[in-house]
Amino acid sequence: MSASTFWFLAVGGSAAATHMAIFSLVQAHMWPELANALGFVIAFFVSFAGHRMLSFQDAGTSLATSLRRFGVTALAGFASNELIFVLLFRGLALPSLLALFLALVFAAGQTFVLSRFWAFRR
């Protein structure tokens, strides 16, 4: 396993744990879809900082360019995440944390490809 892949998994896991923790803390106080969005917003900062400093430290793009591109990448990942979350939670009546976990796993693959080949292009 390459160092980039290791750090991507470690940072992604930390961001996903942050996302799920925030979701768990606030879901009783708002719609689950909004709790998912709040978790995403907070985890975004964990994810960007970790990926910029660890996963893609040899990025050939400026910090501002990486932030803009990663923002687009993350929003695309969140759109997939939210769609899958709603389908699993509302459509299939899976428990909210399970639906969120599965949605995060799906979005992680998409995010890696876009991050590696565009947001933090080497």
PDB file of N, CA and C in Angstrom:
ATOM      1  N   MET A   1       0.854  -1.176   0.000  1.00  0.00           N
ATOM      2  CA  MET A   1       0.000   0.000   0.000  1.00  0.00           C
ATOM      3  C   MET A   1       0.899   1.238   0.000  1.00  0.00           C
ATOM      4  N   SER A   2       0.595   2.182  -0.867  1.00  0.00           N
ATOM      5  CA  SER A   2       1.397   3.403  -0.929  1.00  0.00           C
ATOM      6  C   SER A   2       1.091   4.301   0.260  1.00  0.00           C
ATOM      7  N   ALA A   3       2.010   5.210   0.542  1.00  0.00           N
ATOM      8  CA  ALA A   3       1.810   6.149   1.647  1.00  0.00           C
ATOM      9  C   ALA A   3       0.580   7.015   1.393  1.00  0.00           C
ATOM     10  N   SER A   4       0.383   7.420   0.141  1.00  0.00           N
ATOM     11  CA  SER A   4      -0.776   8.242  -0.209  1.00  0.00           C
ATOM     12  C   SER A   4      -2.087   7.504   0.078  1.00  0.00           C
ATOM     13  N   THR A   5      -2.120   6.227  -0.263  1.00  0.00           N
ATOM     14  CA  THR A   5      -3.323   5.433  -0.004  1.00  0.00           C
ATOM     15  C   THR A   5      -3.539   5.255   1.490  1.00  0.00           C
ATOM     16  N   PHE A   6      -2.459   4.974   2.224  1.00  0.00           N
ATOM     17  CA  PHE A   6      -2.581   4.838   3.679  1.00  0.00           C
ATOM     18  C   PHE A   6      -3.148   6.104   4.294  1.00  0.00           C
ATOM     19  N   TRP A   7      -2.557   7.258   3.940  1.00  0.00           N
ATOM     20  CA  TRP A   7      -3.021   8.513   4.524  1.00  0.00           C
ATOM     21  C   TRP A   7      -4.434   8.857   4.060  1.00  0.00           C
ATOM     22  N   PHE A   8      -4.765   8.531   2.810  1.00  0.00           N
ATOM     23  CA  PHE A   8      -6.127   8.783   2.349  1.00  0.00           C
ATOM     24  C   PHE A   8      -7.121   8.013   3.215  1.00  0.00           C
ATOM     25  N   LEU A   9      -6.826   6.753   3.484  1.00  0.00           N
ATOM     26  CA  LEU A   9      -7.722   5.933   4.315  1.00  0.00           C
ATOM     27  C   LEU A   9      -7.776   6.449   5.750  1.00  0.00           C
ATOM     28  N   ALA A  10      -6.627   6.837   6.309  1.00  0.00           N
ATOM     29  CA  ALA A  10      -6.589   7.340   7.684  1.00  0.00           C
ATOM     30  C   ALA A  10      -7.350   8.664   7.815  1.00  0.00           C
ATOM     31  N   VAL A  11      -7.092   9.578   6.891  1.00  0.00           N
ATOM     32  CA  VAL A  11      -7.780  10.877   6.922  1.00  0.00           C
ATOM     33  C   VAL A  11      -9.263  10.690   6.634  1.00  0.00           C
ATOM     34  N   GLY A  12      -9.562   9.881   5.621  1.00  0.00           N
ATOM     35  CA  GLY A  12     -10.965   9.624   5.292  1.00  0.00           C
ATOM     36  C   GLY A  12     -11.708   8.978   6.451  1.00  0.00           C
ATOM     37  N   GLY A  13     -11.058   8.040   7.124  1.00  0.00           N
ATOM     38  CA  GLY A  13     -11.663   7.402   8.293  1.00  0.00           C
ATOM     39  C   GLY A  13     -11.908   8.397   9.412  1.00  0.00           C
ATOM     40  N   SER A  14     -10.961   9.299   9.623  1.00  0.00           N
ATOM     41  CA  SER A  14     -11.128  10.336  10.654  1.00  0.00           C
ATOM     42  C   SER A  14     -12.270  11.291  10.295  1.00  0.00           C
ATOM     43  N   ALA A  15     -12.322  11.676   9.042  1.00  0.00           N
ATOM     44  CA  ALA A  15     -13.399  12.566   8.602  1.00  0.00           C
ATOM     45  C   ALA A  15     -14.753  11.860   8.693  1.00  0.00           C
ATOM     46  N   ALA A  16     -14.800  10.593   8.306  1.00  0.00           N
ATOM     47  CA  ALA A  16     -16.058   9.830   8.398  1.00  0.00           C
ATOM     48  C   ALA A  16     -16.487   9.671   9.849  1.00  0.00           C
ATOM     49  N   ALA A  17     -15.531   9.414  10.741  1.00  0.00           N
ATOM     50  CA  ALA A  17     -15.858   9.299  12.167  1.00  0.00           C
ATOM     51  C   ALA A  17     -16.386  10.630  12.706  1.00  0.00           C
ATOM     52  N   THR A  18     -15.774  11.723  12.269  1.00  0.00           N
ATOM     53  CA  THR A  18     -16.254  13.055  12.669  1.00  0.00           C
ATOM     54  C   THR A  18     -17.675  13.269  12.166  1.00  0.00           C
ATOM     55  N   HIS A  19     -17.904  12.942  10.907  1.00  0.00           N
ATOM     56  CA  HIS A  19     -19.225  13.091  10.278  1.00  0.00           C
ATOM     57  C   HIS A  19     -20.266  12.296  11.066  1.00  0.00           C
ATOM     58  N   MET A  20     -19.953  11.044  11.345  1.00  0.00           N
ATOM     59  CA  MET A  20     -20.906  10.179  12.053  1.00  0.00           C
ATOM     60  C   MET A  20     -21.120  10.637  13.498  1.00  0.00           C
ATOM     61  N   ALA A  21     -20.076  11.141  14.146  1.00  0.00           N
ATOM     62  CA  ALA A  21     -20.213  11.624  15.528  1.00  0.00           C
ATOM     63  C   ALA A  21     -21.130  12.844  15.583  1.00  0.00           C
ATOM     64  N   ILE A  22     -20.920  13.774  14.676  1.00  0.00           N
ATOM     65  CA  ILE A  22     -21.782  14.969  14.641  1.00  0.00           C
ATOM     66  C   ILE A  22     -23.220  14.548  14.337  1.00  0.00           C
ATOM     67  N   PHE A  23     -23.389  13.673  13.355  1.00  0.00           N
ATOM     68  CA  PHE A  23     -24.717  13.167  13.012  1.00  0.00           C
ATOM     69  C   PHE A  23     -25.385  12.558  14.244  1.00  0.00           C
ATOM     70  N   SER A  24     -24.661  11.727  14.960  1.00  0.00           N
ATOM     71  CA  SER A  24     -25.220  11.057  16.142  1.00  0.00           C
ATOM     72  C   SER A  24     -25.622  12.049  17.226  1.00  0.00           C
ATOM     73  N   LEU A  25     -24.830  13.096  17.374  1.00  0.00           N
ATOM     74  CA  LEU A  25     -25.115  14.087  18.412  1.00  0.00           C
ATOM     75  C   LEU A  25     -26.336  14.955  18.107  1.00  0.00           C
ATOM     76  N   VAL A  26     -26.585  15.223  16.840  1.00  0.00           N
ATOM     77  CA  VAL A  26     -27.638  16.190  16.505  1.00  0.00           C
ATOM     78  C   VAL A  26     -28.886  15.591  15.874  1.00  0.00           C
ATOM     79  N   GLN A  27     -28.863  14.325  15.491  1.00  0.00           N
ATOM     80  CA  GLN A  27     -29.996  13.773  14.742  1.00  0.00           C
ATOM     81  C   GLN A  27     -31.306  13.795  15.523  1.00  0.00           C
ATOM     82  N   ALA A  28     -31.249  13.768  16.827  1.00  0.00           N
ATOM     83  CA  ALA A  28     -32.481  13.811  17.619  1.00  0.00           C
ATOM     84  C   ALA A  28     -33.118  15.205  17.607  1.00  0.00           C
ATOM     85  N   HIS A  29     -32.364  16.198  17.163  1.00  0.00           N
ATOM     86  CA  HIS A  29     -32.827  17.586  17.216  1.00  0.00           C
ATOM     87  C   HIS A  29     -33.195  18.173  15.856  1.00  0.00           C
ATOM     88  N   MET A  30     -33.011  17.394  14.800  1.00  0.00           N
ATOM     89  CA  MET A  30     -33.324  17.901  13.457  1.00  0.00           C
ATOM     90  C   MET A  30     -33.571  16.728  12.518  1.00  0.00           C
ATOM     91  N   TRP A  31     -34.046  17.025  11.341  1.00  0.00           N
ATOM     92  CA  TRP A  31     -34.240  15.978  10.338  1.00  0.00           C
ATOM     93  C   TRP A  31     -32.911  15.270  10.093  1.00  0.00           C
ATOM     94  N   PRO A  32     -32.933  13.978   9.888  1.00  0.00           N
ATOM     95  CA  PRO A  32     -31.685  13.255   9.640  1.00  0.00           C
ATOM     96  C   PRO A  32     -30.911  13.791   8.426  1.00  0.00           C
ATOM     97  N   GLU A  33     -31.619  14.247   7.417  1.00  0.00           N
ATOM     98  CA  GLU A  33     -30.942  14.790   6.234  1.00  0.00           C
ATOM     99  C   GLU A  33     -30.147  16.051   6.581  1.00  0.00           C
ATOM    100  N   LEU A  34     -30.684  16.877   7.481  1.00  0.00           N
ATOM    101  CA  LEU A  34     -29.958  18.072   7.924  1.00  0.00           C
ATOM    102  C   LEU A  34     -28.804  17.705   8.845  1.00  0.00           C
ATOM    103  N   ALA A  35     -29.004  16.702   9.683  1.00  0.00           N
ATOM    104  CA  ALA A  35     -27.918  16.222  10.543  1.00  0.00           C
ATOM    105  C   ALA A  35     -26.767  15.698   9.682  1.00  0.00           C
ATOM    106  N   ASN A  36     -27.097  15.020   8.598  1.00  0.00           N
ATOM    107  CA  ASN A  36     -26.091  14.536   7.663  1.00  0.00           C
ATOM    108  C   ASN A  36     -25.329  15.718   7.059  1.00  0.00           C
ATOM    109  N   ALA A  37     -26.040  16.756   6.664  1.00  0.00           N
ATOM    110  CA  ALA A  37     -25.403  17.937   6.070  1.00  0.00           C
ATOM    111  C   ALA A  37     -24.477  18.625   7.079  1.00  0.00           C
ATOM    112  N   LEU A  38     -24.910  18.754   8.322  1.00  0.00           N
ATOM    113  CA  LEU A  38     -24.077  19.382   9.344  1.00  0.00           C
ATOM    114  C   LEU A  38     -22.816  18.550   9.586  1.00  0.00           C
ATOM    115  N   GLY A  39     -22.976  17.242   9.661  1.00  0.00           N
ATOM    116  CA  GLY A  39     -21.815  16.364   9.811  1.00  0.00           C
ATOM    117  C   GLY A  39     -20.844  16.541   8.657  1.00  0.00           C
ATOM    118  N   PHE A  40     -21.371  16.657   7.455  1.00  0.00           N
ATOM    119  CA  PHE A  40     -20.531  16.869   6.272  1.00  0.00           C
ATOM    120  C   PHE A  40     -19.734  18.160   6.387  1.00  0.00           C
ATOM    121  N   VAL A  41     -20.400  19.249   6.750  1.00  0.00           N
ATOM    122  CA  VAL A  41     -19.729  20.553   6.808  1.00  0.00           C
ATOM    123  C   VAL A  41     -18.552  20.512   7.780  1.00  0.00           C
ATOM    124  N   ILE A  42     -18.753  19.946   8.940  1.00  0.00           N
ATOM    125  CA  ILE A  42     -17.678  19.890   9.932  1.00  0.00           C
ATOM    126  C   ILE A  42     -16.577  18.930   9.479  1.00  0.00           C
ATOM    127  N   ALA A  43     -16.957  17.777   8.954  1.00  0.00           N
ATOM    128  CA  ALA A  43     -15.968  16.800   8.493  1.00  0.00           C
ATOM    129  C   ALA A  43     -15.186  17.313   7.285  1.00  0.00           C
ATOM    130  N   PHE A  44     -15.750  18.224   6.511  1.00  0.00           N
ATOM    131  CA  PHE A  44     -15.058  18.786   5.355  1.00  0.00           C
ATOM    132  C   PHE A  44     -13.706  19.374   5.758  1.00  0.00           C
ATOM    133  N   PHE A  45     -13.694  20.110   6.861  1.00  0.00           N
ATOM    134  CA  PHE A  45     -12.458  20.758   7.294  1.00  0.00           C
ATOM    135  C   PHE A  45     -11.418  19.746   7.772  1.00  0.00           C
ATOM    136  N   VAL A  46     -11.859  18.705   8.451  1.00  0.00           N
ATOM    137  CA  VAL A  46     -10.969  17.615   8.847  1.00  0.00           C
ATOM    138  C   VAL A  46     -10.379  16.968   7.598  1.00  0.00           C
ATOM    139  N   SER A  47     -11.243  16.692   6.644  1.00  0.00           N
ATOM    140  CA  SER A  47     -10.844  16.015   5.423  1.00  0.00           C
ATOM    141  C   SER A  47      -9.871  16.857   4.595  1.00  0.00           C
ATOM    142  N   PHE A  48     -10.200  18.116   4.360  1.00  0.00           N
ATOM    143  CA  PHE A  48      -9.325  18.950   3.530  1.00  0.00           C
ATOM    144  C   PHE A  48      -7.950  19.103   4.155  1.00  0.00           C
ATOM    145  N   ALA A  49      -7.912  19.440   5.434  1.00  0.00           N
ATOM    146  CA  ALA A  49      -6.618  19.651   6.098  1.00  0.00           C
ATOM    147  C   ALA A  49      -5.780  18.374   6.058  1.00  0.00           C
ATOM    148  N   GLY A  50      -6.378  17.259   6.374  1.00  0.00           N
ATOM    149  CA  GLY A  50      -5.641  16.004   6.385  1.00  0.00           C
ATOM    150  C   GLY A  50      -5.171  15.586   5.006  1.00  0.00           C
ATOM    151  N   HIS A  51      -6.034  15.714   4.019  1.00  0.00           N
ATOM    152  CA  HIS A  51      -5.639  15.319   2.667  1.00  0.00           C
ATOM    153  C   HIS A  51      -4.551  16.250   2.116  1.00  0.00           C
ATOM    154  N   ARG A  52      -4.681  17.530   2.365  1.00  0.00           N
ATOM    155  CA  ARG A  52      -3.673  18.473   1.859  1.00  0.00           C
ATOM    156  C   ARG A  52      -2.314  18.235   2.511  1.00  0.00           C
ATOM    157  N   MET A  53      -2.313  18.002   3.828  1.00  0.00           N
ATOM    158  CA  MET A  53      -1.043  17.864   4.549  1.00  0.00           C
ATOM    159  C   MET A  53      -0.471  16.453   4.524  1.00  0.00           C
ATOM    160  N   LEU A  54      -1.317  15.430   4.345  1.00  0.00           N
ATOM    161  CA  LEU A  54      -0.842  14.054   4.454  1.00  0.00           C
ATOM    162  C   LEU A  54      -1.036  13.237   3.181  1.00  0.00           C
ATOM    163  N   SER A  55      -2.275  13.083   2.745  1.00  0.00           N
ATOM    164  CA  SER A  55      -2.571  12.205   1.607  1.00  0.00           C
ATOM    165  C   SER A  55      -1.936  12.688   0.311  1.00  0.00           C
ATOM    166  N   PHE A  56      -2.011  13.994   0.083  1.00  0.00           N
ATOM    167  CA  PHE A  56      -1.558  14.570  -1.181  1.00  0.00           C
ATOM    168  C   PHE A  56      -0.578  15.712  -0.906  1.00  0.00           C
ATOM    169  N   GLN A  57       0.370  15.467  -0.001  1.00  0.00           N
ATOM    170  CA  GLN A  57       1.314  16.512   0.394  1.00  0.00           C
ATOM    171  C   GLN A  57       2.200  16.971  -0.760  1.00  0.00           C
ATOM    172  N   ASP A  58       2.297  16.163  -1.795  1.00  0.00           N
ATOM    173  CA  ASP A  58       3.100  16.542  -2.954  1.00  0.00           C
ATOM    174  C   ASP A  58       2.237  17.145  -4.069  1.00  0.00           C
ATOM    175  N   ALA A  59       1.089  17.684  -3.675  1.00  0.00           N
ATOM    176  CA  ALA A  59       0.163  18.262  -4.653  1.00  0.00           C
ATOM    177  C   ALA A  59       0.865  19.342  -5.466  1.00  0.00           C
ATOM    178  N   GLY A  60       0.545  19.377  -6.735  1.00  0.00           N
ATOM    179  CA  GLY A  60       1.116  20.370  -7.628  1.00  0.00           C
ATOM    180  C   GLY A  60       0.211  21.576  -7.796  1.00  0.00           C
ATOM    181  N   THR A  61      -0.681  21.788  -6.881  1.00  0.00           N
ATOM    182  CA  THR A  61      -1.620  22.909  -6.967  1.00  0.00           C
ATOM    183  C   THR A  61      -1.446  23.799  -5.740  1.00  0.00           C
ATOM    184  N   SER A  62      -1.832  25.057  -5.870  1.00  0.00           N
ATOM    185  CA  SER A  62      -1.764  25.979  -4.734  1.00  0.00           C
ATOM    186  C   SER A  62      -2.823  25.595  -3.707  1.00  0.00           C
ATOM    187  N   LEU A  63      -2.674  26.108  -2.511  1.00  0.00           N
ATOM    188  CA  LEU A  63      -3.647  25.851  -1.452  1.00  0.00           C
ATOM    189  C   LEU A  63      -5.039  26.317  -1.880  1.00  0.00           C
ATOM    190  N   ALA A  64      -5.122  27.506  -2.458  1.00  0.00           N
ATOM    191  CA  ALA A  64      -6.422  28.046  -2.879  1.00  0.00           C
ATOM    192  C   ALA A  64      -7.057  27.190  -3.976  1.00  0.00           C
ATOM    193  N   THR A  65      -6.252  26.776  -4.933  1.00  0.00           N
ATOM    194  CA  THR A  65      -6.767  25.924  -6.010  1.00  0.00           C
ATOM    195  C   THR A  65      -7.233  24.587  -5.454  1.00  0.00           C
ATOM    196  N   SER A  66      -6.417  24.001  -4.583  1.00  0.00           N
ATOM    197  CA  SER A  66      -6.805  22.723  -3.969  1.00  0.00           C
ATOM    198  C   SER A  66      -8.091  22.868  -3.168  1.00  0.00           C
ATOM    199  N   LEU A  67      -8.220  23.962  -2.418  1.00  0.00           N
ATOM    200  CA  LEU A  67      -9.428  24.172  -1.616  1.00  0.00           C
ATOM    201  C   LEU A  67     -10.658  24.293  -2.504  1.00  0.00           C
ATOM    202  N   ARG A  68     -10.556  25.070  -3.565  1.00  0.00           N
ATOM    203  CA  ARG A  68     -11.686  25.210  -4.501  1.00  0.00           C
ATOM    204  C   ARG A  68     -12.042  23.868  -5.121  1.00  0.00           C
ATOM    205  N   ARG A  69     -11.047  23.182  -5.633  1.00  0.00           N
ATOM    206  CA  ARG A  69     -11.300  21.901  -6.287  1.00  0.00           C
ATOM    207  C   ARG A  69     -11.806  20.857  -5.298  1.00  0.00           C
ATOM    208  N   PHE A  70     -11.215  20.829  -4.114  1.00  0.00           N
ATOM    209  CA  PHE A  70     -11.672  19.860  -3.124  1.00  0.00           C
ATOM    210  C   PHE A  70     -13.091  20.191  -2.684  1.00  0.00           C
ATOM    211  N   GLY A  71     -13.421  21.478  -2.618  1.00  0.00           N
ATOM    212  CA  GLY A  71     -14.789  21.871  -2.293  1.00  0.00           C
ATOM    213  C   GLY A  71     -15.780  21.297  -3.289  1.00  0.00           C
ATOM    214  N   VAL A  72     -15.460  21.397  -4.571  1.00  0.00           N
ATOM    215  CA  VAL A  72     -16.318  20.830  -5.618  1.00  0.00           C
ATOM    216  C   VAL A  72     -16.374  19.308  -5.475  1.00  0.00           C
ATOM    217  N   THR A  73     -15.202  18.701  -5.254  1.00  0.00           N
ATOM    218  CA  THR A  73     -15.119  17.248  -5.074  1.00  0.00           C
ATOM    219  C   THR A  73     -15.958  16.800  -3.883  1.00  0.00           C
ATOM    220  N   ALA A  74     -15.809  17.505  -2.769  1.00  0.00           N
ATOM    221  CA  ALA A  74     -16.545  17.156  -1.553  1.00  0.00           C
ATOM    222  C   ALA A  74     -18.049  17.341  -1.742  1.00  0.00           C
ATOM    223  N   LEU A  75     -18.444  18.409  -2.415  1.00  0.00           N
ATOM    224  CA  LEU A  75     -19.876  18.625  -2.665  1.00  0.00           C
ATOM    225  C   LEU A  75     -20.453  17.529  -3.563  1.00  0.00           C
ATOM    226  N   ALA A  76     -19.679  17.094  -4.548  1.00  0.00           N
ATOM    227  CA  ALA A  76     -20.130  15.974  -5.388  1.00  0.00           C
ATOM    228  C   ALA A  76     -20.263  14.711  -4.546  1.00  0.00           C
ATOM    229  N   GLY A  77     -19.295  14.482  -3.659  1.00  0.00           N
ATOM    230  CA  GLY A  77     -19.371  13.335  -2.754  1.00  0.00           C
ATOM    231  C   GLY A  77     -20.557  13.436  -1.818  1.00  0.00           C
ATOM    232  N   PHE A  78     -20.813  14.651  -1.315  1.00  0.00           N
ATOM    233  CA  PHE A  78     -21.957  14.826  -0.424  1.00  0.00           C
ATOM    234  C   PHE A  78     -23.275  14.613  -1.160  1.00  0.00           C
ATOM    235  N   ALA A  79     -23.360  15.068  -2.397  1.00  0.00           N
ATOM    236  CA  ALA A  79     -24.589  14.850  -3.173  1.00  0.00           C
ATOM    237  C   ALA A  79     -24.862  13.354  -3.317  1.00  0.00           C
ATOM    238  N   SER A  80     -23.818  12.583  -3.620  1.00  0.00           N
ATOM    239  CA  SER A  80     -23.979  11.124  -3.698  1.00  0.00           C
ATOM    240  C   SER A  80     -24.349  10.555  -2.331  1.00  0.00           C
ATOM    241  N   ASN A  81     -23.649  11.019  -1.314  1.00  0.00           N
ATOM    242  CA  ASN A  81     -23.900  10.563   0.056  1.00  0.00           C
ATOM    243  C   ASN A  81     -25.358  10.804   0.447  1.00  0.00           C
ATOM    244  N   GLU A  82     -25.823  12.017   0.243  1.00  0.00           N
ATOM    245  CA  GLU A  82     -27.185  12.364   0.670  1.00  0.00           C
ATOM    246  C   GLU A  82     -28.228  11.569  -0.110  1.00  0.00           C
ATOM    247  N   LEU A  83     -28.006  11.403  -1.404  1.00  0.00           N
ATOM    248  CA  LEU A  83     -28.940  10.631  -2.221  1.00  0.00           C
ATOM    249  C   LEU A  83     -29.011   9.185  -1.727  1.00  0.00           C
ATOM    250  N   ILE A  84     -27.871   8.578  -1.527  1.00  0.00           N
ATOM    251  CA  ILE A  84     -27.845   7.189  -1.055  1.00  0.00           C
ATOM    252  C   ILE A  84     -28.410   7.089   0.354  1.00  0.00           C
ATOM    253  N   PHE A  85     -28.059   8.043   1.206  1.00  0.00           N
ATOM    254  CA  PHE A  85     -28.587   8.054   2.571  1.00  0.00           C
ATOM    255  C   PHE A  85     -30.112   8.093   2.565  1.00  0.00           C
ATOM    256  N   VAL A  86     -30.674   8.991   1.787  1.00  0.00           N
ATOM    257  CA  VAL A  86     -32.142   9.114   1.725  1.00  0.00           C
ATOM    258  C   VAL A  86     -32.769   7.833   1.172  1.00  0.00           C
ATOM    259  N   LEU A  87     -32.180   7.278   0.128  1.00  0.00           N
ATOM    260  CA  LEU A  87     -32.723   6.035  -0.433  1.00  0.00           C
ATOM    261  C   LEU A  87     -32.693   4.896   0.582  1.00  0.00           C
ATOM    262  N   LEU A  88     -31.597   4.767   1.299  1.00  0.00           N
ATOM    263  CA  LEU A  88     -31.478   3.682   2.282  1.00  0.00           C
ATOM    264  C   LEU A  88     -32.316   3.936   3.527  1.00  0.00           C
ATOM    265  N   PHE A  89     -32.302   5.167   4.021  1.00  0.00           N
ATOM    266  CA  PHE A  89     -33.018   5.503   5.255  1.00  0.00           C
ATOM    267  C   PHE A  89     -34.523   5.625   5.026  1.00  0.00           C
ATOM    268  N   ARG A  90     -34.913   6.419   4.064  1.00  0.00           N
ATOM    269  CA  ARG A  90     -36.343   6.639   3.814  1.00  0.00           C
ATOM    270  C   ARG A  90     -36.942   5.526   2.952  1.00  0.00           C
ATOM    271  N   GLY A  91     -36.208   5.121   1.911  1.00  0.00           N
ATOM    272  CA  GLY A  91     -36.741   4.138   0.971  1.00  0.00           C
ATOM    273  C   GLY A  91     -36.727   2.712   1.488  1.00  0.00           C
ATOM    274  N   LEU A  92     -35.604   2.309   2.091  1.00  0.00           N
ATOM    275  CA  LEU A  92     -35.482   0.926   2.570  1.00  0.00           C
ATOM    276  C   LEU A  92     -35.640   0.797   4.086  1.00  0.00           C
ATOM    277  N   ALA A  93     -35.821   1.911   4.758  1.00  0.00           N
ATOM    278  CA  ALA A  93     -36.036   1.955   6.214  1.00  0.00           C
ATOM    279  C   ALA A  93     -34.887   1.327   7.007  1.00  0.00           C
ATOM    280  N   LEU A  94     -33.657   1.499   6.504  1.00  0.00           N
ATOM    281  CA  LEU A  94     -32.499   1.054   7.282  1.00  0.00           C
ATOM    282  C   LEU A  94     -32.309   1.993   8.469  1.00  0.00           C
ATOM    283  N   PRO A  95     -31.712   1.526   9.546  1.00  0.00           N
ATOM    284  CA  PRO A  95     -31.392   2.425  10.662  1.00  0.00           C
ATOM    285  C   PRO A  95     -30.505   3.578  10.170  1.00  0.00           C
ATOM    286  N   SER A  96     -30.673   4.746  10.745  1.00  0.00           N
ATOM    287  CA  SER A  96     -29.999   5.941  10.237  1.00  0.00           C
ATOM    288  C   SER A  96     -28.479   5.811  10.220  1.00  0.00           C
ATOM    289  N   LEU A  97     -27.868   5.280  11.263  1.00  0.00           N
ATOM    290  CA  LEU A  97     -26.409   5.165  11.285  1.00  0.00           C
ATOM    291  C   LEU A  97     -25.896   4.169  10.247  1.00  0.00           C
ATOM    292  N   LEU A  98     -26.604   3.090  10.035  1.00  0.00           N
ATOM    293  CA  LEU A  98     -26.218   2.128   9.010  1.00  0.00           C
ATOM    294  C   LEU A  98     -26.339   2.758   7.622  1.00  0.00           C
ATOM    295  N   ALA A  99     -27.437   3.459   7.388  1.00  0.00           N
ATOM    296  CA  ALA A  99     -27.632   4.133   6.097  1.00  0.00           C
ATOM    297  C   ALA A  99     -26.528   5.158   5.859  1.00  0.00           C
ATOM    298  N   LEU A 100     -26.177   5.913   6.897  1.00  0.00           N
ATOM    299  CA  LEU A 100     -25.117   6.907   6.764  1.00  0.00           C
ATOM    300  C   LEU A 100     -23.770   6.236   6.496  1.00  0.00           C
ATOM    301  N   PHE A 101     -23.463   5.181   7.225  1.00  0.00           N
ATOM    302  CA  PHE A 101     -22.201   4.467   7.020  1.00  0.00           C
ATOM    303  C   PHE A 101     -22.068   3.974   5.580  1.00  0.00           C
ATOM    304  N   LEU A 102     -23.099   3.337   5.073  1.00  0.00           N
ATOM    305  CA  LEU A 102     -23.059   2.822   3.699  1.00  0.00           C
ATOM    306  C   LEU A 102     -22.924   3.955   2.685  1.00  0.00           C
ATOM    307  N   ALA A 103     -23.613   5.060   2.937  1.00  0.00           N
ATOM    308  CA  ALA A 103     -23.514   6.213   2.036  1.00  0.00           C
ATOM    309  C   ALA A 103     -22.108   6.807   2.065  1.00  0.00           C
ATOM    310  N   LEU A 104     -21.496   6.855   3.236  1.00  0.00           N
ATOM    311  CA  LEU A 104     -20.133   7.379   3.354  1.00  0.00           C
ATOM    312  C   LEU A 104     -19.126   6.490   2.623  1.00  0.00           C
ATOM    313  N   VAL A 105     -19.292   5.190   2.721  1.00  0.00           N
ATOM    314  CA  VAL A 105     -18.383   4.268   2.029  1.00  0.00           C
ATOM    315  C   VAL A 105     -18.461   4.489   0.519  1.00  0.00           C
ATOM    316  N   PHE A 106     -19.656   4.615  -0.010  1.00  0.00           N
ATOM    317  CA  PHE A 106     -19.818   4.846  -1.442  1.00  0.00           C
ATOM    318  C   PHE A 106     -19.164   6.157  -1.857  1.00  0.00           C
ATOM    319  N   ALA A 107     -19.448   7.220  -1.103  1.00  0.00           N
ATOM    320  CA  ALA A 107     -18.922   8.537  -1.463  1.00  0.00           C
ATOM    321  C   ALA A 107     -17.399   8.591  -1.350  1.00  0.00           C
ATOM    322  N   ALA A 108     -16.810   7.788  -0.471  1.00  0.00           N
ATOM    323  CA  ALA A 108     -15.352   7.794  -0.294  1.00  0.00           C
ATOM    324  C   ALA A 108     -14.623   7.392  -1.574  1.00  0.00           C
ATOM    325  N   GLY A 109     -15.121   6.398  -2.265  1.00  0.00           N
ATOM    326  CA  GLY A 109     -14.485   5.977  -3.519  1.00  0.00           C
ATOM    327  C   GLY A 109     -14.512   7.080  -4.550  1.00  0.00           C
ATOM    328  N   GLN A 110     -15.637   7.714  -4.681  1.00  0.00           N
ATOM    329  CA  GLN A 110     -15.783   8.818  -5.624  1.00  0.00           C
ATOM    330  C   GLN A 110     -14.841   9.962  -5.248  1.00  0.00           C
ATOM    331  N   THR A 111     -14.769  10.271  -3.972  1.00  0.00           N
ATOM    332  CA  THR A 111     -13.929  11.363  -3.503  1.00  0.00           C
ATOM    333  C   THR A 111     -12.453  11.074  -3.757  1.00  0.00           C
ATOM    334  N   PHE A 112     -12.032   9.816  -3.552  1.00  0.00           N
ATOM    335  CA  PHE A 112     -10.628   9.481  -3.798  1.00  0.00           C
ATOM    336  C   PHE A 112     -10.258   9.735  -5.251  1.00  0.00           C
ATOM    337  N   VAL A 113     -11.053   9.262  -6.154  1.00  0.00           N
ATOM    338  CA  VAL A 113     -10.739   9.411  -7.579  1.00  0.00           C
ATOM    339  C   VAL A 113     -10.671  10.887  -7.956  1.00  0.00           C
ATOM    340  N   LEU A 114     -11.657  11.669  -7.555  1.00  0.00           N
ATOM    341  CA  LEU A 114     -11.654  13.097  -7.891  1.00  0.00           C
ATOM    342  C   LEU A 114     -10.523  13.845  -7.196  1.00  0.00           C
ATOM    343  N   SER A 115     -10.208  13.468  -5.954  1.00  0.00           N
ATOM    344  CA  SER A 115      -9.119  14.123  -5.227  1.00  0.00           C
ATOM    345  C   SER A 115      -7.772  13.820  -5.866  1.00  0.00           C
ATOM    346  N   ARG A 116      -7.545  12.553  -6.141  1.00  0.00           N
ATOM    347  CA  ARG A 116      -6.246  12.116  -6.672  1.00  0.00           C
ATOM    348  C   ARG A 116      -5.966  12.688  -8.046  1.00  0.00           C
ATOM    349  N   PHE A 117      -6.950  12.701  -8.912  1.00  0.00           N
ATOM    350  CA  PHE A 117      -6.714  13.068 -10.297  1.00  0.00           C
ATOM    351  C   PHE A 117      -7.128  14.495 -10.675  1.00  0.00           C
ATOM    352  N   TRP A 118      -7.714  15.229  -9.715  1.00  0.00           N
ATOM    353  CA  TRP A 118      -8.122  16.585 -10.050  1.00  0.00           C
ATOM    354  C   TRP A 118      -7.817  17.569  -8.923  1.00  0.00           C
ATOM    355  N   ALA A 119      -8.428  17.416  -7.748  1.00  0.00           N
ATOM    356  CA  ALA A 119      -8.303  18.413  -6.676  1.00  0.00           C
ATOM    357  C   ALA A 119      -6.855  18.601  -6.228  1.00  0.00           C
ATOM    358  N   PHE A 120      -6.134  17.498  -6.057  1.00  0.00           N
ATOM    359  CA  PHE A 120      -4.746  17.552  -5.605  1.00  0.00           C
ATOM    360  C   PHE A 120      -3.822  16.967  -6.680  1.00  0.00           C
ATOM    361  N   ARG A 121      -4.121  17.233  -7.918  1.00  0.00           N
ATOM    362  CA  ARG A 121      -3.372  16.667  -9.038  1.00  0.00           C
ATOM    363  C   ARG A 121      -1.878  16.826  -8.822  1.00  0.00           C
ATOM    364  N   ARG A 122      -1.180  15.748  -9.117  1.00  0.00           N
ATOM    365  CA  ARG A 122       0.285  15.746  -8.969  1.00  0.00           C
ATOM    366  C   ARG A 122       0.938  16.088 -10.284  1.00  0.00           C
TER     367      ARG A 122
END
